[in-house]
Amino acid sequence: MDVHGRDLRYFVAIAEELSFTRAAERLFVSQPALSKQIRMLEKQLGACLFRRDRRKVRLTATGEALLPHARETLATWRAAEAAVEEAKAAERHTLVIGMSTSPGRGLLPALRTRLVSLYPDARPVLRQVNWADPSAGLADGSSDVAFVWLPLPDGERYRYAIVAQEPRIVALPHGHPLAARAAADREGAVDFTDLLDEPFLALPPEAGPLRDHWLALDSRGDHAPRIGGVVASAEETHEAVANGQGVALLATGNAPLVVRDEVIAVPVRGISPSRLAVAARQDDERPTVLAYLAAAEKVGAGTS
């Protein structure tokens, strides 16, 4: 039996008003249409629901039995509709922010403040993504915007705003010979040429051009890197450096994620800086996405 919610609403309205005329007015339908729907419901149920005469309308025993269940069904459906609307609103206002490590630098609170000033109902949700995905969830759509390191694979698919540009430094195990060389250097730094023969920690191959960036391939000439290990998180990097598997290039602002205990970091001359950006897919025109990017552009430019 397939009874429509509309039929139950009509039935309940008549049962409560005990008048087809008043029920029709309450439901904003014509009385003939209401009567027709009730006749069809009675036919489906195989039972009469109302006794009608010139003066009054009464529920039959079958109608009395149906009424509490009809009310309960309608209440359940109203609750379901409300839940669906709430879920739709949450989905509409939720902004999933992907990142491979916490961006730090005060960026998250600054961008959140700017976003909610324009869209008070916006719900920024942070999502941690493995380093194997340099797009931090943008590529597969699991993130709406993301903090990413440039260059991005398939860069034409994305728009971005640079929020930080920092020198790259090298993480070394405590007691590494280059640490002493840096200590003796006037600038406290080492030249990248001093690192060419060192084993390097690399991102997973899926990271593509970002793996090349952190191996500084653009500064090696014909000197191919020695890979001492593959790392997919800051904690893995710390452990691998501390255990002597290799050295690792870092953005200056990310040093606190790796440098502690047996790991130190020193500046490196002769390589380009790192660039942290907030990115989104080119075809995503949702207002909250565009607002987050605009906020990132202002923060990156140092404007208020």
C-alpha atoms as a PDB file:
ATOM      1  CA  MET A   1       0.000   0.000   0.000  1.00  0.00           C
ATOM      2  CA  ASP A   2       1.413   3.377  -1.062  1.00  0.00           C
ATOM      3  CA  VAL A   3      -0.226   6.173   0.951  1.00  0.00           C
ATOM      4  CA  HIS A   4       1.029   9.705   0.304  1.00  0.00           C
ATOM      5  CA  GLY A   5       1.894  12.141   3.080  1.00  0.00           C
ATOM      6  CA  ARG A   6      -0.541  14.591   1.527  1.00  0.00           C
ATOM      7  CA  ASP A   7      -3.400  12.144   2.058  1.00  0.00           C
ATOM      8  CA  LEU A   8      -2.457  11.730   5.714  1.00  0.00           C
ATOM      9  CA  ARG A   9      -2.323  15.533   6.160  1.00  0.00           C
ATOM     10  CA  TYR A  10      -5.771  15.848   4.631  1.00  0.00           C
ATOM     11  CA  PHE A  11      -7.103  13.067   6.843  1.00  0.00           C
ATOM     12  CA  VAL A  12      -5.646  14.574  10.042  1.00  0.00           C
ATOM     13  CA  ALA A  13      -6.970  18.052   9.203  1.00  0.00           C
ATOM     14  CA  ILE A  14     -10.521  16.727   8.752  1.00  0.00           C
ATOM     15  CA  ALA A  15     -10.240  14.588  11.888  1.00  0.00           C
ATOM     16  CA  GLU A  16      -9.195  17.643  13.915  1.00  0.00           C
ATOM     17  CA  GLU A  17     -11.694  20.076  12.396  1.00  0.00           C
ATOM     18  CA  LEU A  18     -14.525  17.540  12.026  1.00  0.00           C
ATOM     19  CA  SER A  19     -15.527  19.604   9.008  1.00  0.00           C
ATOM     20  CA  PHE A  20     -14.562  19.225   5.375  1.00  0.00           C
ATOM     21  CA  THR A  21     -15.180  22.944   4.823  1.00  0.00           C
ATOM     22  CA  ARG A  22     -12.935  24.113   7.657  1.00  0.00           C
ATOM     23  CA  ALA A  23     -10.275  21.531   6.777  1.00  0.00           C
ATOM     24  CA  ALA A  24     -10.240  22.718   3.149  1.00  0.00           C
ATOM     25  CA  GLU A  25      -9.798  26.322   4.318  1.00  0.00           C
ATOM     26  CA  ARG A  26      -6.997  25.286   6.652  1.00  0.00           C
ATOM     27  CA  LEU A  27      -5.237  23.358   3.894  1.00  0.00           C
ATOM     28  CA  PHE A  28      -5.856  26.012   1.208  1.00  0.00           C
ATOM     29  CA  VAL A  29      -7.492  23.488  -1.128  1.00  0.00           C
ATOM     30  CA  SER A  30     -10.966  23.256  -2.559  1.00  0.00           C
ATOM     31  CA  GLN A  31     -13.518  21.140  -0.729  1.00  0.00           C
ATOM     32  CA  PRO A  32     -14.229  18.923  -3.804  1.00  0.00           C
ATOM     33  CA  ALA A  33     -10.497  18.191  -4.167  1.00  0.00           C
ATOM     34  CA  LEU A  34     -10.269  17.341  -0.468  1.00  0.00           C
ATOM     35  CA  SER A  35     -13.271  15.033  -0.630  1.00  0.00           C
ATOM     36  CA  LYS A  36     -11.846  13.296  -3.700  1.00  0.00           C
ATOM     37  CA  GLN A  37      -8.510  12.605  -1.988  1.00  0.00           C
ATOM     38  CA  ILE A  38     -10.223  11.187   1.097  1.00  0.00           C
ATOM     39  CA  ARG A  39     -12.351   8.888  -1.069  1.00  0.00           C
ATOM     40  CA  MET A  40      -9.189   7.654  -2.769  1.00  0.00           C
ATOM     41  CA  LEU A  41      -7.519   7.076   0.627  1.00  0.00           C
ATOM     42  CA  GLU A  42     -10.553   5.141   1.864  1.00  0.00           C
ATOM     43  CA  LYS A  43     -10.451   3.055  -1.295  1.00  0.00           C
ATOM     44  CA  GLN A  44      -6.776   2.260  -0.744  1.00  0.00           C
ATOM     45  CA  LEU A  45      -7.421   1.283   2.858  1.00  0.00           C
ATOM     46  CA  GLY A  46     -10.602  -0.607   2.045  1.00  0.00           C
ATOM     47  CA  ALA A  47     -12.430   1.102   4.886  1.00  0.00           C
ATOM     48  CA  CYS A  48     -14.541   4.170   5.592  1.00  0.00           C
ATOM     49  CA  LEU A  49     -12.786   6.793   7.723  1.00  0.00           C
ATOM     50  CA  PHE A  50     -15.603   9.312   8.319  1.00  0.00           C
ATOM     51  CA  ARG A  51     -19.346   9.286   8.874  1.00  0.00           C
ATOM     52  CA  ARG A  52     -20.906  12.335   7.274  1.00  0.00           C
ATOM     53  CA  ASP A  53     -24.352  13.818   7.440  1.00  0.00           C
ATOM     54  CA  ARG A  54     -25.765  17.291   6.921  1.00  0.00           C
ATOM     55  CA  ARG A  55     -24.818  18.504  10.374  1.00  0.00           C
ATOM     56  CA  LYS A  56     -21.527  16.903  11.356  1.00  0.00           C
ATOM     57  CA  VAL A  57     -18.567  14.714  10.492  1.00  0.00           C
ATOM     58  CA  ARG A  58     -17.426  11.907  12.793  1.00  0.00           C
ATOM     59  CA  LEU A  59     -14.544   9.482  12.713  1.00  0.00           C
ATOM     60  CA  THR A  60     -15.356   5.842  12.235  1.00  0.00           C
ATOM     61  CA  ALA A  61     -13.664   3.227  14.410  1.00  0.00           C
ATOM     62  CA  THR A  62     -11.161   2.739  11.582  1.00  0.00           C
ATOM     63  CA  GLY A  63     -10.541   6.481  11.449  1.00  0.00           C
ATOM     64  CA  GLU A  64     -10.013   6.565  15.219  1.00  0.00           C
ATOM     65  CA  ALA A  65      -7.458   3.757  14.877  1.00  0.00           C
ATOM     66  CA  LEU A  66      -5.610   5.507  12.054  1.00  0.00           C
ATOM     67  CA  LEU A  67      -5.450   8.998  13.586  1.00  0.00           C
ATOM     68  CA  PRO A  68      -2.591   8.582  16.138  1.00  0.00           C
ATOM     69  CA  HIS A  69      -0.461   6.705  13.615  1.00  0.00           C
ATOM     70  CA  ALA A  70      -1.118   9.339  10.939  1.00  0.00           C
ATOM     71  CA  ARG A  71      -0.074  12.074  13.373  1.00  0.00           C
ATOM     72  CA  GLU A  72       3.072  10.162  14.330  1.00  0.00           C
ATOM     73  CA  THR A  73       3.972   9.544  10.684  1.00  0.00           C
ATOM     74  CA  LEU A  74       3.555  13.220   9.810  1.00  0.00           C
ATOM     75  CA  ALA A  75       5.601  14.294  12.833  1.00  0.00           C
ATOM     76  CA  THR A  76       8.370  11.877  11.858  1.00  0.00           C
ATOM     77  CA  TRP A  77       8.381  13.178   8.309  1.00  0.00           C
ATOM     78  CA  ARG A  78       8.524  16.811   9.501  1.00  0.00           C
ATOM     79  CA  ALA A  79      11.516  15.890  11.652  1.00  0.00           C
ATOM     80  CA  ALA A  80      13.129  14.186   8.653  1.00  0.00           C
ATOM     81  CA  GLU A  81      12.546  17.260   6.473  1.00  0.00           C
ATOM     82  CA  ALA A  82      14.070  19.498   9.146  1.00  0.00           C
ATOM     83  CA  ALA A  83      17.097  17.196   9.434  1.00  0.00           C
ATOM     84  CA  VAL A  84      17.570  17.231   5.657  1.00  0.00           C
ATOM     85  CA  GLU A  85      17.383  21.026   5.525  1.00  0.00           C
ATOM     86  CA  GLU A  86      19.853  21.300   8.391  1.00  0.00           C
ATOM     87  CA  ALA A  87      22.256  18.925   6.634  1.00  0.00           C
ATOM     88  CA  LYS A  88      21.913  20.854   3.370  1.00  0.00           C
ATOM     89  CA  ALA A  89      22.617  24.136   5.143  1.00  0.00           C
ATOM     90  CA  ALA A  90      25.649  22.665   6.902  1.00  0.00           C
ATOM     91  CA  GLU A  91      26.992  21.337   3.606  1.00  0.00           C
ATOM     92  CA  ARG A  92      26.368  24.679   1.940  1.00  0.00           C
ATOM     93  CA  HIS A  93      28.263  26.602   4.627  1.00  0.00           C
ATOM     94  CA  THR A  94      31.046  24.102   5.363  1.00  0.00           C
ATOM     95  CA  LEU A  95      34.444  24.945   3.896  1.00  0.00           C
ATOM     96  CA  VAL A  96      36.904  22.043   4.047  1.00  0.00           C
ATOM     97  CA  ILE A  97      40.466  23.358   4.334  1.00  0.00           C
ATOM     98  CA  GLY A  98      43.119  20.819   3.365  1.00  0.00           C
ATOM     99  CA  MET A  99      46.708  20.928   4.597  1.00  0.00           C
ATOM    100  CA  SER A 100      49.666  18.575   4.760  1.00  0.00           C
ATOM    101  CA  THR A 101      50.999  20.205   7.936  1.00  0.00           C
ATOM    102  CA  SER A 102      49.623  22.996  10.089  1.00  0.00           C
ATOM    103  CA  PRO A 103      50.402  26.207   8.183  1.00  0.00           C
ATOM    104  CA  GLY A 104      51.232  28.099  11.385  1.00  0.00           C
ATOM    105  CA  ARG A 105      52.372  31.703  10.905  1.00  0.00           C
ATOM    106  CA  GLY A 106      49.047  32.926  12.325  1.00  0.00           C
ATOM    107  CA  LEU A 107      47.375  32.198   8.998  1.00  0.00           C
ATOM    108  CA  LEU A 108      44.426  30.076  10.104  1.00  0.00           C
ATOM    109  CA  PRO A 109      42.953  32.549  12.627  1.00  0.00           C
ATOM    110  CA  ALA A 110      43.597  35.498  10.315  1.00  0.00           C
ATOM    111  CA  LEU A 111      41.827  33.881   7.386  1.00  0.00           C
ATOM    112  CA  ARG A 112      38.979  32.564   9.521  1.00  0.00           C
ATOM    113  CA  THR A 113      38.326  36.056  10.897  1.00  0.00           C
ATOM    114  CA  ARG A 114      38.135  37.523   7.410  1.00  0.00           C
ATOM    115  CA  LEU A 115      35.889  34.717   6.144  1.00  0.00           C
ATOM    116  CA  VAL A 116      33.304  34.845   8.930  1.00  0.00           C
ATOM    117  CA  SER A 117      33.188  38.638   8.782  1.00  0.00           C
ATOM    118  CA  LEU A 118      31.710  38.217   5.297  1.00  0.00           C
ATOM    119  CA  TYR A 119      29.894  34.906   5.833  1.00  0.00           C
ATOM    120  CA  PRO A 120      28.922  34.527   9.509  1.00  0.00           C
ATOM    121  CA  ASP A 121      27.394  31.088   8.845  1.00  0.00           C
ATOM    122  CA  ALA A 122      30.590  29.720   7.271  1.00  0.00           C
ATOM    123  CA  ARG A 123      31.993  26.637   9.009  1.00  0.00           C
ATOM    124  CA  PRO A 124      35.710  26.161   8.252  1.00  0.00           C
ATOM    125  CA  VAL A 125      36.729  22.527   8.821  1.00  0.00           C
ATOM    126  CA  LEU A 126      40.404  21.513   8.813  1.00  0.00           C
ATOM    127  CA  ARG A 127      41.507  18.317   7.071  1.00  0.00           C
ATOM    128  CA  GLN A 128      44.968  16.763   7.373  1.00  0.00           C
ATOM    129  CA  VAL A 129      46.251  15.205   4.123  1.00  0.00           C
ATOM    130  CA  ASN A 130      49.223  12.899   3.565  1.00  0.00           C
ATOM    131  CA  TRP A 131      52.261  14.411   1.840  1.00  0.00           C
ATOM    132  CA  ALA A 132      51.728  12.052  -1.087  1.00  0.00           C
ATOM    133  CA  ASP A 133      48.973  14.427  -2.239  1.00  0.00           C
ATOM    134  CA  PRO A 134      50.617  17.796  -2.969  1.00  0.00           C
ATOM    135  CA  SER A 135      47.201  19.329  -3.695  1.00  0.00           C
ATOM    136  CA  ALA A 136      46.093  18.599  -0.092  1.00  0.00           C
ATOM    137  CA  GLY A 137      42.760  17.195  -1.240  1.00  0.00           C
ATOM    138  CA  LEU A 138      41.957  19.596  -4.081  1.00  0.00           C
ATOM    139  CA  ALA A 139      42.663  17.065  -6.825  1.00  0.00           C
ATOM    140  CA  ASP A 140      40.028  14.567  -5.673  1.00  0.00           C
ATOM    141  CA  GLY A 141      37.587  17.177  -4.359  1.00  0.00           C
ATOM    142  CA  SER A 142      37.892  16.186  -0.699  1.00  0.00           C
ATOM    143  CA  SER A 143      39.088  19.719   0.139  1.00  0.00           C
ATOM    144  CA  ASP A 144      37.457  22.970  -0.975  1.00  0.00           C
ATOM    145  CA  VAL A 145      40.541  25.117  -0.435  1.00  0.00           C
ATOM    146  CA  ALA A 146      44.000  24.044   0.681  1.00  0.00           C
ATOM    147  CA  PHE A 147      47.331  25.241   1.978  1.00  0.00           C
ATOM    148  CA  VAL A 148      49.813  23.964  -0.589  1.00  0.00           C
ATOM    149  CA  TRP A 149      53.478  24.331  -1.392  1.00  0.00           C
ATOM    150  CA  LEU A 150      54.320  25.460  -4.896  1.00  0.00           C
ATOM    151  CA  PRO A 151      54.785  24.197  -7.518  1.00  0.00           C
ATOM    152  CA  LEU A 152      51.532  22.255  -7.817  1.00  0.00           C
ATOM    153  CA  PRO A 153      51.143  19.345 -10.252  1.00  0.00           C
ATOM    154  CA  ASP A 154      48.604  20.232 -12.965  1.00  0.00           C
ATOM    155  CA  GLY A 155      48.942  23.840 -11.870  1.00  0.00           C
ATOM    156  CA  GLU A 156      46.524  25.066 -14.546  1.00  0.00           C
ATOM    157  CA  ARG A 157      43.675  23.343 -12.669  1.00  0.00           C
ATOM    158  CA  TYR A 158      44.042  25.687  -9.703  1.00  0.00           C
ATOM    159  CA  ARG A 159      44.039  29.325  -8.698  1.00  0.00           C
ATOM    160  CA  TYR A 160      46.047  30.377  -5.692  1.00  0.00           C
ATOM    161  CA  ALA A 161      47.309  33.221  -3.530  1.00  0.00           C
ATOM    162  CA  ILE A 162      50.793  33.105  -1.999  1.00  0.00           C
ATOM    163  CA  VAL A 163      50.606  33.672   1.760  1.00  0.00           C
ATOM    164  CA  ALA A 164      54.263  33.109   2.718  1.00  0.00           C
ATOM    165  CA  GLN A 165      57.618  33.101   0.936  1.00  0.00           C
ATOM    166  CA  GLU A 166      60.504  31.860   3.041  1.00  0.00           C
ATOM    167  CA  PRO A 167      64.096  30.682   2.647  1.00  0.00           C
ATOM    168  CA  ARG A 168      64.666  26.959   2.655  1.00  0.00           C
ATOM    169  CA  ILE A 169      66.811  25.581   5.447  1.00  0.00           C
ATOM    170  CA  VAL A 170      68.306  22.131   5.928  1.00  0.00           C
ATOM    171  CA  ALA A 171      67.531  19.814   8.834  1.00  0.00           C
ATOM    172  CA  LEU A 172      70.589  17.898  10.036  1.00  0.00           C
ATOM    173  CA  PRO A 173      71.222  15.378  12.805  1.00  0.00           C
ATOM    174  CA  HIS A 174      72.963  16.859  15.827  1.00  0.00           C
ATOM    175  CA  GLY A 175      76.727  16.497  15.377  1.00  0.00           C
ATOM    176  CA  HIS A 176      76.646  16.438  11.561  1.00  0.00           C
ATOM    177  CA  PRO A 177      79.907  17.874  10.110  1.00  0.00           C
ATOM    178  CA  LEU A 178      77.966  20.573   8.261  1.00  0.00           C
ATOM    179  CA  ALA A 179      76.604  21.868  11.558  1.00  0.00           C
ATOM    180  CA  ALA A 180      80.163  22.741  12.613  1.00  0.00           C
ATOM    181  CA  ARG A 181      80.813  24.341   9.234  1.00  0.00           C
ATOM    182  CA  ALA A 182      77.683  26.481   9.608  1.00  0.00           C
ATOM    183  CA  ALA A 183      78.723  27.474  13.126  1.00  0.00           C
ATOM    184  CA  ALA A 184      82.062  28.711  11.755  1.00  0.00           C
ATOM    185  CA  ASP A 185      80.415  30.584   8.870  1.00  0.00           C
ATOM    186  CA  ARG A 186      79.928  34.323   9.235  1.00  0.00           C
ATOM    187  CA  GLU A 187      76.258  33.972   8.251  1.00  0.00           C
ATOM    188  CA  GLY A 188      75.760  30.706  10.136  1.00  0.00           C
ATOM    189  CA  ALA A 189      74.814  29.036   6.833  1.00  0.00           C
ATOM    190  CA  VAL A 190      76.035  26.386   4.403  1.00  0.00           C
ATOM    191  CA  ASP A 191      76.174  26.481   0.610  1.00  0.00           C
ATOM    192  CA  PHE A 192      73.885  24.116  -1.247  1.00  0.00           C
ATOM    193  CA  THR A 193      76.926  22.760  -3.062  1.00  0.00           C
ATOM    194  CA  ASP A 194      78.057  21.415   0.327  1.00  0.00           C
ATOM    195  CA  LEU A 195      74.914  19.268   0.400  1.00  0.00           C
ATOM    196  CA  LEU A 196      75.106  17.736  -3.072  1.00  0.00           C
ATOM    197  CA  ASP A 197      76.604  14.455  -1.915  1.00  0.00           C
ATOM    198  CA  GLU A 198      74.394  14.112   1.168  1.00  0.00           C
ATOM    199  CA  PRO A 199      71.568  11.555   1.219  1.00  0.00           C
ATOM    200  CA  PHE A 200      68.289  13.457   1.046  1.00  0.00           C
ATOM    201  CA  LEU A 201      64.871  12.607   2.430  1.00  0.00           C
ATOM    202  CA  ALA A 202      62.294  12.789  -0.342  1.00  0.00           C
ATOM    203  CA  LEU A 203      58.529  13.104  -0.552  1.00  0.00           C
ATOM    204  CA  PRO A 204      56.651  10.135  -2.059  1.00  0.00           C
ATOM    205  CA  PRO A 205      56.966   9.940  -5.877  1.00  0.00           C
ATOM    206  CA  GLU A 206      53.282  10.888  -6.232  1.00  0.00           C
ATOM    207  CA  ALA A 207      54.174  14.390  -5.047  1.00  0.00           C
ATOM    208  CA  GLY A 208      55.653  15.039  -8.508  1.00  0.00           C
ATOM    209  CA  PRO A 209      57.186  18.503  -8.940  1.00  0.00           C
ATOM    210  CA  LEU A 210      56.877  19.204  -5.221  1.00  0.00           C
ATOM    211  CA  ARG A 211      59.179  16.253  -4.527  1.00  0.00           C
ATOM    212  CA  ASP A 212      61.648  17.809  -6.994  1.00  0.00           C
ATOM    213  CA  HIS A 213      61.355  21.177  -5.244  1.00  0.00           C
ATOM    214  CA  TRP A 214      62.302  19.808  -1.822  1.00  0.00           C
ATOM    215  CA  LEU A 215      65.206  17.951  -3.402  1.00  0.00           C
ATOM    216  CA  ALA A 216      66.204  21.284  -5.036  1.00  0.00           C
ATOM    217  CA  LEU A 217      66.622  19.677  -8.457  1.00  0.00           C
ATOM    218  CA  ASP A 218      66.676  23.137 -10.032  1.00  0.00           C
ATOM    219  CA  SER A 219      69.954  23.880  -8.219  1.00  0.00           C
ATOM    220  CA  ARG A 220      71.742  20.561  -8.773  1.00  0.00           C
ATOM    221  CA  GLY A 221      72.721  20.800 -12.417  1.00  0.00           C
ATOM    222  CA  ASP A 222      73.720  17.282 -13.486  1.00  0.00           C
ATOM    223  CA  HIS A 223      74.251  16.133  -9.911  1.00  0.00           C
ATOM    224  CA  ALA A 224      71.417  13.660  -9.228  1.00  0.00           C
ATOM    225  CA  PRO A 225      70.213  13.443  -5.629  1.00  0.00           C
ATOM    226  CA  ARG A 226      70.967  10.502  -3.364  1.00  0.00           C
ATOM    227  CA  ILE A 227      67.711   9.390  -1.732  1.00  0.00           C
ATOM    228  CA  GLY A 228      68.202   8.268   1.847  1.00  0.00           C
ATOM    229  CA  GLY A 229      64.519   7.647   2.535  1.00  0.00           C
ATOM    230  CA  VAL A 230      60.941   8.623   1.714  1.00  0.00           C
ATOM    231  CA  VAL A 231      58.907  10.606   4.248  1.00  0.00           C
ATOM    232  CA  ALA A 232      55.207  11.466   4.317  1.00  0.00           C
ATOM    233  CA  SER A 233      54.865  13.568   7.477  1.00  0.00           C
ATOM    234  CA  ALA A 234      56.770  15.960   9.725  1.00  0.00           C
ATOM    235  CA  GLU A 235      57.136  13.264  12.380  1.00  0.00           C
ATOM    236  CA  GLU A 236      58.615  10.808   9.864  1.00  0.00           C
ATOM    237  CA  THR A 237      61.024  13.541   8.745  1.00  0.00           C
ATOM    238  CA  HIS A 238      62.155  14.223  12.288  1.00  0.00           C
ATOM    239  CA  GLU A 239      62.744  10.537  13.008  1.00  0.00           C
ATOM    240  CA  ALA A 240      64.602   9.925   9.724  1.00  0.00           C
ATOM    241  CA  VAL A 241      66.908  12.928  10.197  1.00  0.00           C
ATOM    242  CA  ALA A 242      67.570  12.044  13.836  1.00  0.00           C
ATOM    243  CA  ASN A 243      68.429   8.461  12.811  1.00  0.00           C
ATOM    244  CA  GLY A 244      70.907   9.643  10.179  1.00  0.00           C
ATOM    245  CA  GLN A 245      68.952   8.429   7.135  1.00  0.00           C
ATOM    246  CA  GLY A 246      69.405  11.740   5.392  1.00  0.00           C
ATOM    247  CA  VAL A 247      69.041  15.502   5.489  1.00  0.00           C
ATOM    248  CA  ALA A 248      65.894  17.393   4.537  1.00  0.00           C
ATOM    249  CA  LEU A 249      65.100  20.828   3.167  1.00  0.00           C
ATOM    250  CA  LEU A 250      62.384  22.719   5.049  1.00  0.00           C
ATOM    251  CA  ALA A 251      60.643  26.056   4.835  1.00  0.00           C
ATOM    252  CA  THR A 252      61.928  28.296   7.604  1.00  0.00           C
ATOM    253  CA  GLY A 253      58.473  28.587   9.137  1.00  0.00           C
ATOM    254  CA  ASN A 254      58.131  24.803   9.362  1.00  0.00           C
ATOM    255  CA  ALA A 255      61.341  24.286  11.325  1.00  0.00           C
ATOM    256  CA  PRO A 256      59.505  23.865  14.679  1.00  0.00           C
ATOM    257  CA  LEU A 257      57.723  20.800  13.244  1.00  0.00           C
ATOM    258  CA  VAL A 258      61.009  18.936  12.753  1.00  0.00           C
ATOM    259  CA  VAL A 259      63.760  20.664  14.727  1.00  0.00           C
ATOM    260  CA  ARG A 260      63.940  19.300  18.288  1.00  0.00           C
ATOM    261  CA  ASP A 261      65.866  16.753  20.328  1.00  0.00           C
ATOM    262  CA  GLU A 262      68.599  15.402  18.014  1.00  0.00           C
ATOM    263  CA  VAL A 263      67.682  17.515  14.974  1.00  0.00           C
ATOM    264  CA  ILE A 264      68.967  21.012  14.165  1.00  0.00           C
ATOM    265  CA  ALA A 265      68.538  23.258  11.125  1.00  0.00           C
ATOM    266  CA  VAL A 266      70.804  25.770   9.391  1.00  0.00           C
ATOM    267  CA  PRO A 267      70.229  28.242   6.538  1.00  0.00           C
ATOM    268  CA  VAL A 268      71.208  27.250   2.998  1.00  0.00           C
ATOM    269  CA  ARG A 269      72.650  29.585   0.368  1.00  0.00           C
ATOM    270  CA  GLY A 270      72.232  29.025  -3.344  1.00  0.00           C
ATOM    271  CA  ILE A 271      68.636  27.765  -3.591  1.00  0.00           C
ATOM    272  CA  SER A 272      65.345  29.529  -4.255  1.00  0.00           C
ATOM    273  CA  PRO A 273      62.852  30.225  -1.447  1.00  0.00           C
ATOM    274  CA  SER A 274      59.788  28.164  -0.631  1.00  0.00           C
ATOM    275  CA  ARG A 275      56.283  29.468  -1.391  1.00  0.00           C
ATOM    276  CA  LEU A 276      53.192  28.574   0.635  1.00  0.00           C
ATOM    277  CA  ALA A 277      49.852  29.309  -1.016  1.00  0.00           C
ATOM    278  CA  VAL A 278      46.130  28.944  -0.464  1.00  0.00           C
ATOM    279  CA  ALA A 279      44.661  27.270  -3.539  1.00  0.00           C
ATOM    280  CA  ALA A 280      41.287  26.231  -4.943  1.00  0.00           C
ATOM    281  CA  ARG A 281      40.085  24.586  -8.134  1.00  0.00           C
ATOM    282  CA  GLN A 282      39.739  26.966 -11.076  1.00  0.00           C
ATOM    283  CA  ASP A 283      36.121  25.966 -11.717  1.00  0.00           C
ATOM    284  CA  ASP A 284      34.955  26.415  -8.103  1.00  0.00           C
ATOM    285  CA  GLU A 285      33.017  29.679  -7.973  1.00  0.00           C
ATOM    286  CA  ARG A 286      31.302  29.213  -4.610  1.00  0.00           C
ATOM    287  CA  PRO A 287      31.216  32.472  -2.639  1.00  0.00           C
ATOM    288  CA  THR A 288      32.947  31.065   0.461  1.00  0.00           C
ATOM    289  CA  VAL A 289      35.767  29.636  -1.646  1.00  0.00           C
ATOM    290  CA  LEU A 290      36.299  32.927  -3.453  1.00  0.00           C
ATOM    291  CA  ALA A 291      36.119  34.819  -0.148  1.00  0.00           C
ATOM    292  CA  TYR A 292      38.790  32.591   1.399  1.00  0.00           C
ATOM    293  CA  LEU A 293      41.064  33.128  -1.585  1.00  0.00           C
ATOM    294  CA  ALA A 294      40.502  36.880  -1.461  1.00  0.00           C
ATOM    295  CA  ALA A 295      41.354  36.852   2.232  1.00  0.00           C
ATOM    296  CA  ALA A 296      44.522  34.890   1.462  1.00  0.00           C
ATOM    297  CA  GLU A 297      45.530  37.467  -1.146  1.00  0.00           C
ATOM    298  CA  LYS A 298      45.151  40.289   1.410  1.00  0.00           C
ATOM    299  CA  VAL A 299      47.040  38.393   4.091  1.00  0.00           C
ATOM    300  CA  GLY A 300      49.785  37.517   1.613  1.00  0.00           C
ATOM    301  CA  ALA A 301      50.068  41.127   0.554  1.00  0.00           C
ATOM    302  CA  GLY A 302      50.133  42.261   4.190  1.00  0.00           C
ATOM    303  CA  THR A 303      47.055  44.453   3.756  1.00  0.00           C
ATOM    304  CA  SER A 304      44.223  44.949   6.220  1.00  0.00           C
END
